[in-house]
Amino acid sequence: LSTHPDGKPPPHCAHFCTLLDDHINDFRVNRDALAHLHFAVLGFGSADYEPAGHFCTAAAQVDVFLEKLAACRLAPLGRVSDTREAEKQVAPWLSALLHSLDRLFFSVAPG
């Protein structure tokens, strides 16, 4: 998930982010509404915006929103900066995700 100016989500994801935020703040939505869901979030941005607090902000918000609705995290939030080699940043996150998926698959697979 990328971040647009001022820490906003990209237009194609804005509605999804708004829905998550609305669900967190809606008293009619149970705090465990997404307990059936497993997730991992990988954000893309530029570390140049970190001093302004906008480095992968949209991804960080989605990560928090999913956790607040009791979704099960498969990997820590990953942040990829366009100022460094992407593959070296994604590899540890992907390894953690694949490890979690492996554990999840074998813990629920029959026999």
Protein backbone atom coordinates (compact mmCIF):
# COMPACT_ATOMS: atom_id res chain seq x y z
CA LEU A 1 0.00 0.00 0.00
CA SER A 2 1.51 3.31 -1.02
CA THR A 3 1.11 6.70 0.61
CA HIS A 4 0.18 9.84 -1.29
CA PRO A 5 0.90 13.45 -0.26
CA ASP A 6 0.21 14.40 3.35
CA GLY A 7 0.09 10.74 4.40
CA LYS A 8 -3.14 9.97 2.57
CA PRO A 9 -3.90 6.60 0.99
CA PRO A 10 -3.91 6.41 -2.81
CA PRO A 11 -7.30 7.21 -4.37
CA HIS A 12 -8.01 3.57 -5.27
CA CYS A 13 -7.63 2.56 -1.59
CA ALA A 14 -9.15 5.60 0.09
CA HIS A 15 -12.63 4.08 0.40
CA PHE A 16 -11.23 0.89 1.97
CA CYS A 17 -9.27 2.93 4.52
CA THR A 18 -12.31 5.06 5.30
CA LEU A 19 -14.44 1.96 5.83
CA LEU A 20 -11.91 0.49 8.25
CA ASP A 21 -11.73 3.76 10.16
CA ASP A 22 -15.53 4.01 10.26
CA HIS A 23 -15.82 0.45 11.59
CA ILE A 24 -13.38 1.17 14.40
CA ASN A 25 -15.38 4.21 15.46
CA ASP A 26 -18.83 2.67 15.02
CA PHE A 27 -20.29 1.40 18.30
CA ARG A 28 -22.42 -1.08 16.32
CA VAL A 29 -19.34 -2.94 15.05
CA ASN A 30 -17.90 -5.54 17.40
CA ARG A 31 -14.24 -5.13 18.34
CA ASP A 32 -13.66 -8.67 17.04
CA ALA A 33 -15.38 -8.08 13.68
CA LEU A 34 -12.34 -9.28 11.72
CA ALA A 35 -11.17 -12.04 14.06
CA HIS A 36 -11.64 -14.53 11.20
CA LEU A 37 -9.15 -12.61 9.03
CA HIS A 38 -5.38 -13.02 8.77
CA PHE A 39 -3.37 -10.13 7.38
CA ALA A 40 0.02 -8.70 6.54
CA VAL A 41 0.63 -5.14 5.36
CA LEU A 42 3.52 -3.92 3.27
CA GLY A 43 3.81 -0.19 2.72
CA PHE A 44 5.64 1.58 -0.09
CA GLY A 45 6.85 5.15 0.13
CA SER A 46 9.92 7.27 0.60
CA ALA A 47 11.94 7.49 3.79
CA ASP A 48 12.51 11.12 2.80
CA TYR A 49 9.02 11.79 4.21
CA GLU A 50 9.74 10.17 7.57
CA PRO A 51 10.65 13.49 9.29
CA ALA A 52 7.21 14.82 8.29
CA GLY A 53 5.55 11.65 9.65
CA HIS A 54 4.37 10.47 6.24
CA PHE A 55 6.54 7.43 5.55
CA CYS A 56 4.14 4.59 4.71
CA THR A 57 1.43 6.30 6.76
CA ALA A 58 -1.48 4.73 4.88
CA ALA A 59 -0.06 1.22 5.37
CA ALA A 60 0.58 1.90 9.05
CA GLN A 61 -3.01 3.08 9.51
CA VAL A 62 -4.45 0.01 7.79
CA ASP A 63 -2.21 -2.19 9.94
CA VAL A 64 -3.53 -0.55 13.12
CA PHE A 65 -7.14 -0.63 11.92
CA LEU A 66 -7.01 -4.36 11.15
CA GLU A 67 -5.42 -5.09 14.51
CA LYS A 68 -8.06 -3.02 16.35
CA LEU A 69 -10.75 -5.12 14.70
CA ALA A 70 -9.04 -8.30 15.98
CA ALA A 71 -7.63 -9.55 12.68
CA CYS A 72 -4.68 -11.89 13.17
CA ARG A 73 -1.33 -10.45 12.10
CA LEU A 74 0.85 -12.77 10.00
CA ALA A 75 3.86 -10.46 9.73
CA PRO A 76 4.94 -7.16 11.23
CA LEU A 77 4.20 -4.06 9.20
CA GLY A 78 6.78 -3.78 6.43
CA ARG A 79 7.94 -0.43 5.08
CA VAL A 80 9.72 -0.17 1.73
CA SER A 81 11.44 3.07 0.74
CA ASP A 82 12.15 4.07 -2.81
CA THR A 83 15.48 5.43 -1.56
CA ARG A 84 16.87 1.94 -0.97
CA GLU A 85 16.90 -1.34 -2.90
CA ALA A 86 13.37 -2.75 -2.68
CA GLU A 87 14.32 -6.42 -2.79
CA LYS A 88 16.52 -6.14 0.30
CA GLN A 89 13.68 -4.46 2.19
CA VAL A 90 10.93 -6.84 1.08
CA ALA A 91 12.86 -10.10 1.59
CA PRO A 92 12.78 -10.16 5.44
CA TRP A 93 9.10 -9.19 5.49
CA LEU A 94 8.24 -11.82 2.89
CA SER A 95 10.22 -14.45 4.79
CA ALA A 96 8.27 -13.69 7.98
CA LEU A 97 4.98 -13.83 6.08
CA LEU A 98 5.81 -17.14 4.42
CA HIS A 99 6.88 -18.60 7.76
CA SER A 100 3.56 -17.55 9.31
CA LEU A 101 1.59 -18.92 6.39
CA ASP A 102 3.46 -22.19 6.65
CA ARG A 103 2.63 -22.43 10.37
CA LEU A 104 -0.98 -21.45 9.71
CA PHE A 105 -1.42 -23.96 6.90
CA PHE A 106 0.11 -26.86 8.83
CA SER A 107 -1.73 -26.00 12.04
CA VAL A 108 -5.16 -26.17 10.32
CA ALA A 109 -4.51 -28.80 7.66
CA PRO A 110 -6.20 -32.14 8.32
CA GLY A 111 -4.16 -35.16 9.30
